[in-house]
PDB file of N, CA and C in Angstrom:
ATOM      1  N   MET A   1     -43.899  38.761 -37.973  1.00  0.00           N
ATOM      2  CA  MET A   1     -44.211  40.031 -38.596  1.00  0.00           C
ATOM      3  C   MET A   1     -45.677  40.361 -38.318  1.00  0.00           C
ATOM      4  N   GLU A   2     -45.919  41.623 -38.065  1.00  0.00           N
ATOM      5  CA  GLU A   2     -47.275  42.066 -37.805  1.00  0.00           C
ATOM      6  C   GLU A   2     -48.133  41.921 -39.042  1.00  0.00           C
ATOM      7  N   SER A   3     -49.430  41.928 -38.829  1.00  0.00           N
ATOM      8  CA  SER A   3     -50.355  41.898 -39.945  1.00  0.00           C
ATOM      9  C   SER A   3     -50.748  43.341 -40.268  1.00  0.00           C
ATOM     10  N   TYR A   4     -50.354  43.798 -41.439  1.00  0.00           N
ATOM     11  CA  TYR A   4     -50.651  45.163 -41.857  1.00  0.00           C
ATOM     12  C   TYR A   4     -51.768  45.168 -42.888  1.00  0.00           C
ATOM     13  N   THR A   5     -52.521  46.268 -42.942  1.00  0.00           N
ATOM     14  CA  THR A   5     -53.518  46.416 -43.999  1.00  0.00           C
ATOM     15  C   THR A   5     -52.782  46.674 -45.309  1.00  0.00           C
ATOM     16  N   ARG A   6     -53.472  46.558 -46.415  1.00  0.00           N
ATOM     17  CA  ARG A   6     -52.814  46.789 -47.702  1.00  0.00           C
ATOM     18  C   ARG A   6     -52.341  48.234 -47.831  1.00  0.00           C
ATOM     19  N   TYR A   7     -53.031  49.164 -47.176  1.00  0.00           N
ATOM     20  CA  TYR A   7     -52.630  50.568 -47.219  1.00  0.00           C
ATOM     21  C   TYR A   7     -51.342  50.790 -46.420  1.00  0.00           C
ATOM     22  N   GLU A   8     -51.257  50.136 -45.268  1.00  0.00           N
ATOM     23  CA  GLU A   8     -50.046  50.231 -44.458  1.00  0.00           C
ATOM     24  C   GLU A   8     -48.865  49.602 -45.191  1.00  0.00           C
ATOM     25  N   ARG A   9     -49.085  48.452 -45.822  1.00  0.00           N
ATOM     26  CA  ARG A   9     -48.017  47.805 -46.594  1.00  0.00           C
ATOM     27  C   ARG A   9     -47.541  48.718 -47.712  1.00  0.00           C
ATOM     28  N   ALA A  10     -48.475  49.325 -48.420  1.00  0.00           N
ATOM     29  CA  ALA A  10     -48.111  50.222 -49.524  1.00  0.00           C
ATOM     30  C   ALA A  10     -47.310  51.409 -49.005  1.00  0.00           C
ATOM     31  N   ARG A  11     -47.717  51.958 -47.875  1.00  0.00           N
ATOM     32  CA  ARG A  11     -47.021  53.112 -47.298  1.00  0.00           C
ATOM     33  C   ARG A  11     -45.623  52.746 -46.836  1.00  0.00           C
ATOM     34  N   ILE A  12     -45.487  51.584 -46.199  1.00  0.00           N
ATOM     35  CA  ILE A  12     -44.185  51.130 -45.706  1.00  0.00           C
ATOM     36  C   ILE A  12     -43.230  50.893 -46.872  1.00  0.00           C
ATOM     37  N   VAL A  13     -43.692  50.143 -47.872  1.00  0.00           N
ATOM     38  CA  VAL A  13     -42.832  49.827 -49.016  1.00  0.00           C
ATOM     39  C   VAL A  13     -42.497  51.099 -49.794  1.00  0.00           C
ATOM     40  N   GLY A  14     -43.471  51.991 -49.942  1.00  0.00           N
ATOM     41  CA  GLY A  14     -43.222  53.253 -50.655  1.00  0.00           C
ATOM     42  C   GLY A  14     -42.212  54.130 -49.937  1.00  0.00           C
ATOM     43  N   ALA A  15     -42.346  54.227 -48.623  1.00  0.00           N
ATOM     44  CA  ALA A  15     -41.417  55.043 -47.842  1.00  0.00           C
ATOM     45  C   ALA A  15     -40.009  54.449 -47.882  1.00  0.00           C
ATOM     46  N   ARG A  16     -39.924  53.138 -47.771  1.00  0.00           N
ATOM     47  CA  ARG A  16     -38.606  52.476 -47.819  1.00  0.00           C
ATOM     48  C   ARG A  16     -37.982  52.609 -49.194  1.00  0.00           C
ATOM     49  N   SER A  17     -38.798  52.519 -50.242  1.00  0.00           N
ATOM     50  CA  SER A  17     -38.310  52.687 -51.605  1.00  0.00           C
ATOM     51  C   SER A  17     -37.708  54.086 -51.790  1.00  0.00           C
ATOM     52  N   LEU A  18     -38.375  55.080 -51.244  1.00  0.00           N
ATOM     53  CA  LEU A  18     -37.857  56.445 -51.321  1.00  0.00           C
ATOM     54  C   LEU A  18     -36.531  56.569 -50.578  1.00  0.00           C
ATOM     55  N   GLN A  19     -36.440  55.955 -49.404  1.00  0.00           N
ATOM     56  CA  GLN A  19     -35.189  55.978 -48.649  1.00  0.00           C
ATOM     57  C   GLN A  19     -34.051  55.365 -49.460  1.00  0.00           C
ATOM     58  N   ILE A  20     -34.320  54.215 -50.082  1.00  0.00           N
ATOM     59  CA  ILE A  20     -33.291  53.537 -50.877  1.00  0.00           C
ATOM     60  C   ILE A  20     -32.880  54.403 -52.065  1.00  0.00           C
ATOM     61  N   SER A  21     -33.856  55.029 -52.726  1.00  0.00           N
ATOM     62  CA  SER A  21     -33.527  55.866 -53.884  1.00  0.00           C
ATOM     63  C   SER A  21     -32.723  57.103 -53.491  1.00  0.00           C
ATOM     64  N   MET A  22     -32.822  57.506 -52.213  1.00  0.00           N
ATOM     65  CA  MET A  22     -32.071  58.662 -51.735  1.00  0.00           C
ATOM     66  C   MET A  22     -30.721  58.272 -51.129  1.00  0.00           C
ATOM     67  N   GLY A  23     -30.365  56.976 -51.223  1.00  0.00           N
ATOM     68  CA  GLY A  23     -29.040  56.561 -50.800  1.00  0.00           C
ATOM     69  C   GLY A  23     -28.947  55.764 -49.513  1.00  0.00           C
ATOM     70  N   ALA A  24     -30.073  55.387 -48.929  1.00  0.00           N
ATOM     71  CA  ALA A  24     -30.040  54.580 -47.704  1.00  0.00           C
ATOM     72  C   ALA A  24     -29.446  53.208 -48.012  1.00  0.00           C
ATOM     73  N   PRO A  25     -28.758  52.607 -47.053  1.00  0.00           N
ATOM     74  CA  PRO A  25     -28.178  51.287 -47.306  1.00  0.00           C
ATOM     75  C   PRO A  25     -29.255  50.217 -47.492  1.00  0.00           C
ATOM     76  N   VAL A  26     -28.991  49.299 -48.397  1.00  0.00           N
ATOM     77  CA  VAL A  26     -29.909  48.192 -48.656  1.00  0.00           C
ATOM     78  C   VAL A  26     -29.673  47.122 -47.596  1.00  0.00           C
ATOM     79  N   LEU A  27     -30.755  46.564 -47.043  1.00  0.00           N
ATOM     80  CA  LEU A  27     -30.663  45.652 -45.907  1.00  0.00           C
ATOM     81  C   LEU A  27     -30.684  44.177 -46.287  1.00  0.00           C
ATOM     82  N   VAL A  28     -30.782  43.875 -47.573  1.00  0.00           N
ATOM     83  CA  VAL A  28     -30.780  42.486 -48.045  1.00  0.00           C
ATOM     84  C   VAL A  28     -29.852  42.372 -49.245  1.00  0.00           C
ATOM     85  N   LYS A  29     -29.355  41.167 -49.462  1.00  0.00           N
ATOM     86  CA  LYS A  29     -28.558  40.916 -50.663  1.00  0.00           C
ATOM     87  C   LYS A  29     -29.519  40.583 -51.789  1.00  0.00           C
ATOM     88  N   THR A  30     -29.414  41.328 -52.882  1.00  0.00           N
ATOM     89  CA  THR A  30     -30.291  41.100 -54.025  1.00  0.00           C
ATOM     90  C   THR A  30     -29.609  41.606 -55.286  1.00  0.00           C
ATOM     91  N   GLU A  31     -29.999  41.041 -56.395  1.00  0.00           N
ATOM     92  CA  GLU A  31     -29.482  41.467 -57.697  1.00  0.00           C
ATOM     93  C   GLU A  31     -30.331  42.592 -58.280  1.00  0.00           C
ATOM     94  N   LYS A  32     -31.446  42.899 -57.643  1.00  0.00           N
ATOM     95  CA  LYS A  32     -32.367  43.908 -58.164  1.00  0.00           C
ATOM     96  C   LYS A  32     -31.752  45.300 -58.070  1.00  0.00           C
ATOM     97  N   ILE A  33     -32.149  46.161 -58.993  1.00  0.00           N
ATOM     98  CA  ILE A  33     -31.619  47.523 -59.051  1.00  0.00           C
ATOM     99  C   ILE A  33     -32.702  48.544 -58.686  1.00  0.00           C
ATOM    100  N   ASP A  34     -33.931  48.262 -59.071  1.00  0.00           N
ATOM    101  CA  ASP A  34     -35.050  49.184 -58.840  1.00  0.00           C
ATOM    102  C   ASP A  34     -35.336  49.311 -57.339  1.00  0.00           C
ATOM    103  N   PRO A  35     -35.370  50.539 -56.792  1.00  0.00           N
ATOM    104  CA  PRO A  35     -35.608  50.722 -55.356  1.00  0.00           C
ATOM    105  C   PRO A  35     -36.926  50.108 -54.872  1.00  0.00           C
ATOM    106  N   LEU A  36     -37.964  50.158 -55.699  1.00  0.00           N
ATOM    107  CA  LEU A  36     -39.245  49.583 -55.301  1.00  0.00           C
ATOM    108  C   LEU A  36     -39.143  48.067 -55.164  1.00  0.00           C
ATOM    109  N   GLU A  37     -38.480  47.424 -56.099  1.00  0.00           N
ATOM    110  CA  GLU A  37     -38.318  45.970 -56.030  1.00  0.00           C
ATOM    111  C   GLU A  37     -37.472  45.569 -54.822  1.00  0.00           C
ATOM    112  N   ILE A  38     -36.444  46.351 -54.528  1.00  0.00           N
ATOM    113  CA  ILE A  38     -35.605  46.078 -53.350  1.00  0.00           C
ATOM    114  C   ILE A  38     -36.439  46.225 -52.076  1.00  0.00           C
ATOM    115  N   ALA A  39     -37.262  47.286 -52.004  1.00  0.00           N
ATOM    116  CA  ALA A  39     -38.109  47.511 -50.833  1.00  0.00           C
ATOM    117  C   ALA A  39     -39.105  46.374 -50.645  1.00  0.00           C
ATOM    118  N   ILE A  40     -39.634  45.840 -51.735  1.00  0.00           N
ATOM    119  CA  ILE A  40     -40.576  44.723 -51.641  1.00  0.00           C
ATOM    120  C   ILE A  40     -39.872  43.487 -51.080  1.00  0.00           C
ATOM    121  N   VAL A  41     -38.657  43.220 -51.534  1.00  0.00           N
ATOM    122  CA  VAL A  41     -37.887  42.082 -51.017  1.00  0.00           C
ATOM    123  C   VAL A  41     -37.612  42.279 -49.527  1.00  0.00           C
ATOM    124  N   GLU A  42     -37.235  43.488 -49.143  1.00  0.00           N
ATOM    125  CA  GLU A  42     -36.990  43.772 -47.728  1.00  0.00           C
ATOM    126  C   GLU A  42     -38.261  43.556 -46.904  1.00  0.00           C
ATOM    127  N   TYR A  43     -39.393  43.989 -47.430  1.00  0.00           N
ATOM    128  CA  TYR A  43     -40.661  43.808 -46.718  1.00  0.00           C
ATOM    129  C   TYR A  43     -40.979  42.323 -46.547  1.00  0.00           C
ATOM    130  N   GLN A  44     -40.791  41.567 -47.611  1.00  0.00           N
ATOM    131  CA  GLN A  44     -41.085  40.129 -47.556  1.00  0.00           C
ATOM    132  C   GLN A  44     -40.197  39.412 -46.548  1.00  0.00           C
ATOM    133  N   LYS A  45     -38.963  39.890 -46.388  1.00  0.00           N
ATOM    134  CA  LYS A  45     -38.041  39.273 -45.432  1.00  0.00           C
ATOM    135  C   LYS A  45     -38.212  39.836 -44.018  1.00  0.00           C
ATOM    136  N   GLY A  46     -39.021  40.887 -43.874  1.00  0.00           N
ATOM    137  CA  GLY A  46     -39.310  41.445 -42.557  1.00  0.00           C
ATOM    138  C   GLY A  46     -38.183  42.253 -41.949  1.00  0.00           C
ATOM    139  N   VAL A  47     -37.371  42.907 -42.775  1.00  0.00           N
ATOM    140  CA  VAL A  47     -36.225  43.646 -42.249  1.00  0.00           C
ATOM    141  C   VAL A  47     -36.364  45.168 -42.359  1.00  0.00           C
ATOM    142  N   ILE A  48     -37.497  45.650 -42.814  1.00  0.00           N
ATOM    143  CA  ILE A  48     -37.673  47.100 -42.942  1.00  0.00           C
ATOM    144  C   ILE A  48     -37.812  47.714 -41.548  1.00  0.00           C
ATOM    145  N   PRO A  49     -36.980  48.694 -41.232  1.00  0.00           N
ATOM    146  CA  PRO A  49     -37.012  49.304 -39.887  1.00  0.00           C
ATOM    147  C   PRO A  49     -38.072  50.408 -39.756  1.00  0.00           C
ATOM    148  N   ILE A  50     -39.299  50.102 -40.139  1.00  0.00           N
ATOM    149  CA  ILE A  50     -40.396  51.046 -40.046  1.00  0.00           C
ATOM    150  C   ILE A  50     -41.525  50.365 -39.293  1.00  0.00           C
ATOM    151  N   THR A  51     -42.117  51.072 -38.352  1.00  0.00           N
ATOM    152  CA  THR A  51     -43.252  50.526 -37.600  1.00  0.00           C
ATOM    153  C   THR A  51     -44.481  51.383 -37.831  1.00  0.00           C
ATOM    154  N   VAL A  52     -45.650  50.825 -37.526  1.00  0.00           N
ATOM    155  CA  VAL A  52     -46.925  51.536 -37.682  1.00  0.00           C
ATOM    156  C   VAL A  52     -47.531  51.707 -36.307  1.00  0.00           C
ATOM    157  N   LYS A  53     -47.897  52.958 -35.982  1.00  0.00           N
ATOM    158  CA  LYS A  53     -48.589  53.239 -34.728  1.00  0.00           C
ATOM    159  C   LYS A  53     -50.064  53.400 -35.018  1.00  0.00           C
ATOM    160  N   ARG A  54     -50.873  52.696 -34.261  1.00  0.00           N
ATOM    161  CA  ARG A  54     -52.328  52.791 -34.425  1.00  0.00           C
ATOM    162  C   ARG A  54     -52.930  53.344 -33.145  1.00  0.00           C
ATOM    163  N   ASN A  55     -54.007  54.092 -33.316  1.00  0.00           N
ATOM    164  CA  ASN A  55     -54.707  54.635 -32.138  1.00  0.00           C
ATOM    165  C   ASN A  55     -55.673  53.637 -31.585  1.00  0.00           C
TER     166      ASN A  55
END
């Protein structure tokens, strides 16, 4: 997994959380219900399909 700044991590997890809350499929098995908590688990497992482009 790439090394992201804390701002990039926050943006990735926030964007993924919004996707999950809008009905996107969850990419990990978890008992959690809160979209933010699910997004954090996905981030920790490295399965979020979001990349960061830097100049």
